[in-house]
Amino acid sequence: MGKWSNNRKMKKVFYFGLEPLKARYTYQLSKEWMPATFEPYSDKVEFIDVEGEFDPDQQIKVGAVLDAVGRGKFAMSQCSNFLDMLNKDEVNNGDVIFLQDYWHPGIESILYALDLYGIKVDIYAMLHAQSVDEYDFTYPMRSWMRGFELGLDKRMTGIFVGSTIHKDQLREAGFESPIHVVSLPLHLEMTLDKYPEYDKEAKKKSIVVYSSRLDKEKNPFFMMAVAKQYLTEFPGAEWHVTTSGKEFKSMLPGVIDALYKLADEMPNFKLLKNLTKQEYYKELAEAKIQFNSSLQDYVSWTVLESTAFGCDMVFPNFRSFPEFIPADKLYTPFNVGSAVIRLHEVMQIKQPNYNIAYLADLGRQMEGYIVSNGIDQEINIWHEAEYCKHLLNKNEE
């Protein structure tokens, strides 16, 4: 178990991270960014990383975000390790459980044991999507999943989400816990440190990068239609599709064949596989635009990492995106021509200076503040940034 503290009698934060895949954001998030989030509160809390059994070479065999079998095995091994600590009397009233993902198989065994032990803990979770979203891959599971989601909500002290529209969906579905809108928990300084060669003054190349998954909710066939028309009209540009995986994968039939077919037809439509984080950040540092065609994204890691390295954005005027992306970077949803026009317009303008990644970093810090101080008043990082900065500054006094 990874942990740090100044006093073992302090409140403990038992952190259940995601599988630490080094090629994806989950390693940085669970092993670097979130532990650092609680370091300012080392006089109040003892941070304990509840580790699980994990194959570092694991590939996604079945599943959209994480492997369907691997997710369950990792999460349940974390629960087993926590139950061992509970059995050794290492869990006390007032301690905290922090789930990096609301969907955490095995959590019911912990709630069951805590009730029988008579121990009351606070429980927080980051909720990434779940069955409240008609475009999420869990939506077809809602007939059995929704009851579980709402049951767990009854035990939540607080829920973290990326955007206001997601909070509204959860409320409509019957969620009652405090819901804090905090973006996604990027650590901006640590992200930039991964590629110290980044020069924000360097001229960008005429490259459009697409970093989203190739599953149905990301609308990849639309992306390819836009890429084909854009590269036909502007053959001097390039379009790069990236993945950290050894091969491109999708749960959507036909998309991989279509992807390779387009790459064969158009030499400036390039497929970049097996990228390390450093290689991916180099790509973002050189590219001009990050393109997104998602039907479902509550914020997006692609926009946070891209804007951190100076990419501009062309995203659909849809769902969560208008909350934090300027109107002149948005195209009419599902309209290929509108997307191509917007790409051409954005490619011509000066390199932007967004504060989106900064606000996401602020949201991450607010997670640490809320959990460490037991705050139940809801906050919204997109609407109340100055207030959030005030709270964090006051906490440091």
Protein backbone atom coordinates (compact mmCIF):
# COMPACT_ATOMS: atom_id res chain seq x y z
CA MET A 1 0.00 0.00 0.00
CA GLY A 2 1.37 3.41 -0.93
CA LYS A 3 0.84 6.01 1.78
CA TRP A 4 2.19 9.11 3.43
CA SER A 5 1.28 11.08 6.57
CA ASN A 6 2.68 12.98 9.51
CA ASN A 7 0.38 11.38 12.05
CA ARG A 8 -1.13 7.91 11.85
CA LYS A 9 -4.07 8.97 14.02
CA MET A 10 -5.32 11.47 11.48
CA LYS A 11 -8.27 10.90 9.19
CA LYS A 12 -7.35 8.40 6.49
CA VAL A 13 -8.22 8.78 2.82
CA PHE A 14 -8.36 5.32 1.25
CA TYR A 15 -7.86 5.99 -2.44
CA PHE A 16 -9.10 3.43 -4.99
CA GLY A 17 -7.36 4.41 -8.22
CA LEU A 18 -7.85 3.02 -11.71
CA GLU A 19 -5.65 0.42 -13.36
CA PRO A 20 -2.32 2.24 -13.78
CA LEU A 21 -1.77 1.85 -17.53
CA LYS A 22 1.40 3.83 -18.23
CA ALA A 23 0.48 4.53 -21.84
CA ARG A 24 -2.86 6.06 -20.81
CA TYR A 25 -3.92 8.81 -18.45
CA THR A 26 -4.82 6.31 -15.72
CA TYR A 27 -1.23 5.88 -14.51
CA GLN A 28 -0.62 9.61 -14.18
CA LEU A 29 -4.03 10.13 -12.61
CA SER A 30 -3.87 7.35 -10.03
CA LYS A 31 -0.16 7.24 -9.22
CA GLU A 32 0.94 10.86 -9.64
CA TRP A 33 -1.80 13.47 -9.92
CA MET A 34 -4.20 12.36 -7.18
CA PRO A 35 -1.55 11.56 -4.55
CA ALA A 36 -0.13 15.04 -5.18
CA THR A 37 -3.63 16.47 -4.76
CA PHE A 38 -3.68 15.49 -1.10
CA GLU A 39 -0.14 16.49 -0.20
CA PRO A 40 -1.20 20.02 0.88
CA TYR A 41 -3.41 18.36 3.51
CA SER A 42 -0.77 16.09 5.01
CA ASP A 43 -1.39 17.76 8.38
CA LYS A 44 -5.03 16.62 8.23
CA VAL A 45 -5.17 13.33 6.36
CA GLU A 46 -3.21 10.18 5.80
CA PHE A 47 -3.37 9.24 2.12
CA ILE A 48 -3.45 5.50 1.48
CA ASP A 49 -3.30 4.15 -2.07
CA VAL A 50 -5.36 0.95 -2.01
CA GLU A 51 -3.56 -1.06 -4.65
CA GLY A 52 -4.89 -3.97 -6.66
CA GLU A 53 -3.59 -6.91 -8.65
CA PHE A 54 -2.65 -5.69 -12.10
CA ASP A 55 -0.91 -6.93 -15.24
CA PRO A 56 1.10 -3.95 -16.58
CA ASP A 57 1.06 -5.52 -20.06
CA GLN A 58 -2.74 -5.87 -20.05
CA GLN A 59 -4.46 -4.98 -23.31
CA ILE A 60 -8.14 -4.20 -23.72
CA LYS A 61 -9.56 -7.46 -25.07
CA VAL A 62 -13.22 -6.50 -24.63
CA GLY A 63 -14.38 -3.10 -23.46
CA ALA A 64 -14.51 0.55 -24.47
CA VAL A 65 -12.46 2.36 -21.81
CA LEU A 66 -10.85 -0.39 -19.73
CA ASP A 67 -10.87 -4.15 -20.19
CA ALA A 68 -14.20 -5.69 -19.16
CA VAL A 69 -12.57 -8.50 -17.17
CA GLY A 70 -9.50 -6.59 -16.02
CA ARG A 71 -11.60 -3.75 -14.58
CA GLY A 72 -13.54 -6.12 -12.34
CA LYS A 73 -10.51 -8.13 -11.23
CA PHE A 74 -8.51 -5.03 -10.35
CA ALA A 75 -11.36 -3.31 -8.50
CA MET A 76 -12.29 -6.42 -6.52
CA SER A 77 -8.67 -7.03 -5.52
CA GLN A 78 -8.60 -3.46 -4.19
CA CYS A 79 -11.74 -4.23 -2.20
CA SER A 80 -10.13 -7.39 -0.84
CA ASN A 81 -7.08 -5.41 0.29
CA PHE A 82 -9.28 -2.83 1.98
CA LEU A 83 -11.25 -5.54 3.78
CA ASP A 84 -7.96 -6.92 5.10
CA MET A 85 -7.23 -3.48 6.57
CA LEU A 86 -10.72 -3.32 8.03
CA ASN A 87 -10.20 -6.74 9.61
CA LYS A 88 -6.97 -5.45 11.18
CA ASP A 89 -8.82 -2.49 12.74
CA GLU A 90 -7.05 0.02 10.47
CA VAL A 91 -10.31 1.71 9.40
CA ASN A 92 -12.06 4.11 11.77
CA ASN A 93 -15.09 6.34 12.03
CA GLY A 94 -14.58 9.52 10.02
CA ASP A 95 -12.18 7.99 7.50
CA VAL A 96 -12.76 8.47 3.77
CA ILE A 97 -13.12 6.16 0.79
CA PHE A 98 -12.36 7.87 -2.54
CA LEU A 99 -13.30 5.95 -5.69
CA GLN A 100 -11.63 7.23 -8.84
CA ASP A 101 -14.49 5.68 -10.78
CA TYR A 102 -18.07 5.43 -9.54
CA TRP A 103 -18.30 2.03 -11.24
CA HIS A 104 -16.22 0.00 -8.79
CA PRO A 105 -17.07 -3.73 -8.74
CA GLY A 106 -16.94 -5.14 -5.22
CA ILE A 107 -17.75 -1.90 -3.38
CA GLU A 108 -20.93 -3.48 -2.02
CA SER A 109 -18.80 -5.94 0.01
CA ILE A 110 -17.14 -2.97 1.71
CA LEU A 111 -20.44 -1.25 2.50
CA TYR A 112 -21.79 -4.52 3.88
CA ALA A 113 -18.77 -5.04 6.15
CA LEU A 114 -18.67 -1.43 7.34
CA ASP A 115 -22.33 -1.60 8.36
CA LEU A 116 -21.75 -4.78 10.34
CA TYR A 117 -18.66 -3.27 11.99
CA GLY A 118 -20.65 -0.15 12.82
CA ILE A 119 -18.03 2.11 11.21
CA LYS A 120 -19.19 5.26 9.44
CA VAL A 121 -16.93 6.61 6.68
CA ASP A 122 -17.35 9.34 4.07
CA ILE A 123 -17.45 8.12 0.48
CA TYR A 124 -16.57 10.19 -2.59
CA ALA A 125 -16.36 9.17 -6.22
CA MET A 126 -15.57 10.58 -9.64
CA LEU A 127 -18.50 9.77 -11.92
CA HIS A 128 -17.38 9.70 -15.55
CA ALA A 129 -20.66 8.87 -17.32
CA GLN A 130 -22.74 5.81 -16.30
CA SER A 131 -26.14 4.74 -17.60
CA VAL A 132 -27.75 8.20 -17.36
CA ASP A 133 -26.20 9.04 -20.74
CA GLU A 134 -27.93 7.62 -23.80
CA TYR A 135 -24.62 7.67 -25.71
CA ASP A 136 -22.56 5.88 -23.06
CA PHE A 137 -21.72 2.21 -23.59
CA THR A 138 -23.41 1.41 -20.25
CA TYR A 139 -26.77 2.84 -21.35
CA PRO A 140 -28.03 -0.53 -22.69
CA MET A 141 -27.25 -1.96 -19.22
CA ARG A 142 -29.51 0.56 -17.45
CA SER A 143 -32.28 -1.95 -16.72
CA TRP A 144 -30.10 -3.57 -14.08
CA MET A 145 -27.37 -0.95 -13.56
CA ARG A 146 -29.55 2.04 -12.64
CA GLY A 147 -30.74 0.45 -9.40
CA PHE A 148 -27.13 -0.20 -8.38
CA GLU A 149 -26.12 3.37 -9.25
CA LEU A 150 -28.93 4.91 -7.22
CA GLY A 151 -28.35 2.54 -4.32
CA LEU A 152 -24.70 3.58 -4.13
CA ASP A 153 -25.77 7.23 -4.34
CA LYS A 154 -27.54 6.74 -0.99
CA ARG A 155 -24.13 6.14 0.61
CA MET A 156 -22.23 8.91 -1.15
CA THR A 157 -20.90 11.94 0.70
CA GLY A 158 -20.10 13.65 -2.58
CA ILE A 159 -19.82 13.00 -6.32
CA PHE A 160 -17.40 14.71 -8.72
CA VAL A 161 -18.34 15.24 -12.38
CA GLY A 162 -16.81 17.09 -15.30
CA SER A 163 -19.64 19.27 -16.55
CA THR A 164 -22.93 20.87 -15.59
CA ILE A 165 -24.98 18.94 -18.15
CA HIS A 166 -23.83 15.69 -16.54
CA LYS A 167 -24.89 16.91 -13.12
CA ASP A 168 -28.30 17.78 -14.57
CA GLN A 169 -28.62 14.28 -16.07
CA LEU A 170 -27.82 12.69 -12.71
CA ARG A 171 -30.38 14.84 -10.91
CA GLU A 172 -33.01 13.92 -13.49
CA ALA A 173 -32.21 10.24 -12.93
CA GLY A 174 -32.77 10.59 -9.18
CA PHE A 175 -29.27 11.12 -7.74
CA GLU A 176 -29.46 13.06 -4.46
CA SER A 177 -25.86 13.36 -3.20
CA PRO A 178 -23.95 16.65 -3.41
CA ILE A 179 -22.52 16.87 -6.94
CA HIS A 180 -19.43 19.01 -7.56
CA VAL A 181 -18.59 20.07 -11.14
CA VAL A 182 -14.78 20.00 -11.25
CA SER A 183 -13.79 19.15 -14.85
CA LEU A 184 -11.39 16.20 -15.04
CA PRO A 185 -8.53 16.14 -12.50
CA LEU A 186 -5.55 17.17 -14.62
CA HIS A 187 -2.28 18.11 -12.89
CA LEU A 188 -1.03 20.77 -15.27
CA GLU A 189 2.52 21.12 -13.97
CA MET A 190 3.14 17.37 -13.94
CA THR A 191 1.67 17.08 -17.44
CA LEU A 192 4.01 19.72 -18.85
CA ASP A 193 6.95 18.12 -17.04
CA LYS A 194 6.43 14.97 -19.13
CA TYR A 195 7.61 16.85 -22.21
CA PRO A 196 10.00 19.61 -21.09
CA GLU A 197 11.02 20.27 -24.71
CA TYR A 198 7.68 21.98 -25.35
CA ASP A 199 8.18 25.53 -26.60
CA LYS A 200 4.95 27.51 -26.53
CA GLU A 201 6.48 30.06 -28.90
CA ALA A 202 7.34 27.50 -31.59
CA LYS A 203 5.33 27.63 -34.79
CA LYS A 204 2.73 24.89 -35.09
CA LYS A 205 2.53 22.54 -38.07
CA SER A 206 -0.58 22.21 -40.26
CA ILE A 207 -1.61 19.03 -38.47
CA VAL A 208 -5.04 18.05 -37.21
CA VAL A 209 -4.80 15.41 -34.51
CA TYR A 210 -7.60 13.08 -33.45
CA SER A 211 -6.98 11.32 -30.13
CA SER A 212 -10.39 10.02 -29.11
CA ARG A 213 -11.31 6.36 -28.98
CA LEU A 214 -12.87 4.81 -32.08
CA ASP A 215 -16.01 3.55 -30.39
CA LYS A 216 -19.60 4.43 -31.28
CA GLU A 217 -20.00 7.28 -28.78
CA LYS A 218 -17.00 9.07 -30.35
CA ASN A 219 -18.62 9.07 -33.82
CA PRO A 220 -15.50 7.91 -35.73
CA PHE A 221 -17.20 7.49 -39.11
CA PHE A 222 -18.12 11.17 -39.00
CA MET A 223 -14.51 12.02 -38.11
CA MET A 224 -13.28 10.13 -41.17
CA ALA A 225 -15.80 11.86 -43.42
CA VAL A 226 -14.57 15.24 -42.18
CA ALA A 227 -10.93 14.23 -42.56
CA LYS A 228 -11.47 13.05 -46.14
CA GLN A 229 -13.20 16.25 -47.22
CA TYR A 230 -10.79 18.52 -45.36
CA LEU A 231 -7.67 16.86 -46.79
CA THR A 232 -9.19 16.89 -50.26
CA GLU A 233 -9.79 20.64 -50.04
CA PHE A 234 -6.54 21.39 -48.23
CA PRO A 235 -3.97 18.77 -49.35
CA GLY A 236 -1.09 20.61 -47.69
CA ALA A 237 -2.41 19.66 -44.24
CA GLU A 238 -2.07 16.35 -42.41
CA TRP A 239 -4.52 14.43 -40.22
CA HIS A 240 -3.05 12.22 -37.48
CA VAL A 241 -5.08 9.60 -35.63
CA THR A 242 -3.27 8.49 -32.47
CA THR A 243 -3.43 5.65 -29.98
CA SER A 244 -1.27 4.38 -27.15
CA GLY A 245 -2.32 0.83 -28.01
CA LYS A 246 -0.29 -1.55 -30.11
CA GLU A 247 -3.16 -1.62 -32.57
CA PHE A 248 -6.24 0.50 -33.19
CA LYS A 249 -9.32 -1.08 -31.61
CA SER A 250 -13.03 -0.45 -31.59
CA MET A 251 -16.24 -2.10 -30.42
CA LEU A 252 -17.95 -0.57 -33.46
CA PRO A 253 -18.03 -3.02 -36.41
CA GLY A 254 -16.33 -1.87 -39.58
CA VAL A 255 -14.58 1.20 -38.24
CA ILE A 256 -11.03 -0.22 -38.19
CA ASP A 257 -11.28 -1.44 -41.78
CA ALA A 258 -12.58 1.99 -42.81
CA LEU A 259 -9.74 3.68 -40.94
CA TYR A 260 -7.03 1.71 -42.75
CA LYS A 261 -8.82 2.08 -46.09
CA LEU A 262 -8.77 5.87 -45.73
CA ALA A 263 -5.10 5.79 -44.74
CA ASP A 264 -4.32 3.79 -47.90
CA GLU A 265 -6.26 6.25 -50.07
CA MET A 266 -4.86 9.43 -48.56
CA PRO A 267 -1.14 9.53 -47.64
CA ASN A 268 -1.62 12.62 -45.47
CA PHE A 269 -4.12 10.73 -43.28
CA LYS A 270 -1.65 9.08 -40.91
CA LEU A 271 -2.16 6.44 -38.22
CA LEU A 272 0.17 6.70 -35.22
CA LYS A 273 0.16 3.63 -32.97
CA ASN A 274 1.82 2.57 -29.73
CA LEU A 275 2.68 6.11 -28.66
CA THR A 276 4.22 6.66 -25.25
CA LYS A 277 2.98 9.62 -23.23
CA GLN A 278 6.08 11.58 -24.18
CA GLU A 279 5.57 10.79 -27.88
CA TYR A 280 1.91 11.75 -27.66
CA TYR A 281 2.72 15.04 -25.93
CA LYS A 282 5.32 15.75 -28.63
CA GLU A 283 2.59 15.22 -31.20
CA LEU A 284 0.32 17.69 -29.39
CA ALA A 285 3.16 20.19 -29.06
CA GLU A 286 3.60 20.18 -32.85
CA ALA A 287 -0.03 19.88 -34.01
CA LYS A 288 -2.22 22.91 -34.68
CA ILE A 289 -5.69 21.50 -33.94
CA GLN A 290 -7.29 18.75 -31.88
CA PHE A 291 -10.49 17.57 -33.60
CA ASN A 292 -13.37 15.99 -31.72
CA SER A 293 -16.60 14.44 -33.01
CA SER A 294 -17.94 12.86 -29.82
CA LEU A 295 -21.57 12.21 -29.11
CA GLN A 296 -20.61 11.75 -25.47
CA ASP A 297 -17.83 13.54 -23.63
CA TYR A 298 -18.02 15.31 -20.28
CA VAL A 299 -15.11 17.63 -20.89
CA SER A 300 -12.45 15.34 -22.46
CA TRP A 301 -8.90 14.35 -21.65
CA THR A 302 -8.13 15.18 -25.29
CA VAL A 303 -9.02 18.85 -24.85
CA LEU A 304 -7.20 19.18 -21.52
CA GLU A 305 -3.92 17.66 -22.67
CA SER A 306 -4.10 19.34 -26.09
CA THR A 307 -4.67 22.85 -24.79
CA ALA A 308 -1.93 22.32 -22.20
CA PHE A 309 0.46 21.94 -25.16
CA GLY A 310 -0.94 24.83 -27.18
CA CYS A 311 -3.32 23.05 -29.55
CA ASP A 312 -6.36 24.85 -30.80
CA MET A 313 -9.72 23.05 -30.88
CA VAL A 314 -12.48 22.24 -33.31
CA PHE A 315 -15.30 20.54 -31.42
CA PRO A 316 -19.05 20.03 -31.99
CA ASN A 317 -21.51 22.51 -30.53
CA PHE A 318 -23.02 19.68 -28.55
CA ARG A 319 -23.59 18.49 -24.99
CA SER A 320 -20.89 19.65 -22.57
CA PHE A 321 -18.56 21.41 -25.01
CA PRO A 322 -20.24 24.86 -25.20
CA GLU A 323 -19.77 25.25 -21.45
CA PHE A 324 -16.01 25.68 -21.74
CA ILE A 325 -15.06 26.00 -25.43
CA PRO A 326 -15.40 29.37 -27.23
CA ALA A 327 -18.19 29.58 -29.80
CA ASP A 328 -15.79 30.30 -32.67
CA LYS A 329 -14.18 26.87 -32.15
CA LEU A 330 -17.47 24.95 -32.41
CA TYR A 331 -19.09 23.49 -35.52
CA THR A 332 -22.68 22.47 -36.22
CA PRO A 333 -23.05 18.92 -34.87
CA PHE A 334 -23.17 16.11 -37.43
CA ASN A 335 -22.49 18.55 -40.29
CA VAL A 336 -19.37 17.65 -42.29
CA GLY A 337 -19.30 20.92 -44.20
CA SER A 338 -19.54 23.00 -41.04
CA ALA A 339 -16.67 21.07 -39.47
CA VAL A 340 -14.46 21.54 -42.56
CA ILE A 341 -15.14 25.27 -42.65
CA ARG A 342 -14.35 25.61 -38.95
CA LEU A 343 -11.12 23.64 -39.34
CA HIS A 344 -10.00 25.96 -42.14
CA GLU A 345 -10.85 29.06 -40.09
CA VAL A 346 -9.08 27.88 -36.96
CA MET A 347 -6.01 26.71 -38.90
CA GLN A 348 -5.46 30.34 -40.01
CA ILE A 349 -5.51 32.06 -36.63
CA LYS A 350 -2.77 32.67 -34.10
CA GLN A 351 -1.92 30.08 -31.50
CA PRO A 352 -4.52 30.31 -28.72
CA ASN A 353 -4.04 30.83 -25.03
CA TYR A 354 -6.79 28.91 -23.26
CA ASN A 355 -7.29 28.53 -19.51
CA ILE A 356 -9.17 25.22 -19.81
CA ALA A 357 -6.29 23.06 -18.55
CA TYR A 358 -5.66 25.57 -15.76
CA LEU A 359 -9.31 25.35 -14.66
CA ALA A 360 -9.16 21.56 -14.74
CA ASP A 361 -6.10 21.74 -12.49
CA LEU A 362 -8.05 24.05 -10.19
CA GLY A 363 -10.88 21.50 -10.15
CA ARG A 364 -8.43 18.76 -9.15
CA GLN A 365 -7.24 20.91 -6.26
CA MET A 366 -10.85 21.48 -5.21
CA GLU A 367 -11.36 17.72 -4.98
CA GLY A 368 -8.57 17.56 -2.41
CA TYR A 369 -10.01 20.55 -0.55
CA ILE A 370 -13.56 19.12 -0.45
CA VAL A 371 -12.53 15.63 0.65
CA SER A 372 -9.96 16.74 3.22
CA ASN A 373 -12.27 19.31 4.80
CA GLY A 374 -15.56 17.42 4.51
CA ILE A 375 -17.24 20.15 2.46
CA ASP A 376 -20.78 19.40 1.26
CA GLN A 377 -21.58 22.76 -0.37
CA GLU A 378 -21.63 22.14 -4.12
CA ILE A 379 -19.18 24.00 -6.37
CA ASN A 380 -18.85 24.43 -10.13
CA ILE A 381 -15.36 25.10 -11.45
CA TRP A 382 -16.64 26.45 -14.79
CA HIS A 383 -18.92 29.01 -13.11
CA GLU A 384 -17.10 29.80 -9.87
CA ALA A 385 -13.38 29.75 -10.60
CA GLU A 386 -12.65 32.90 -8.60
CA TYR A 387 -14.58 31.59 -5.61
CA CYS A 388 -12.70 28.29 -5.78
CA LYS A 389 -9.37 30.13 -5.87
CA HIS A 390 -10.51 32.12 -2.84
CA LEU A 391 -11.29 28.93 -0.91
CA LEU A 392 -7.92 27.38 -1.77
CA ASN A 393 -6.02 30.54 -0.85
CA LYS A 394 -7.92 30.80 2.42
CA ASN A 395 -7.07 27.19 3.19
CA GLU A 396 -3.35 27.97 2.80
CA GLU A 397 -3.45 30.84 5.29
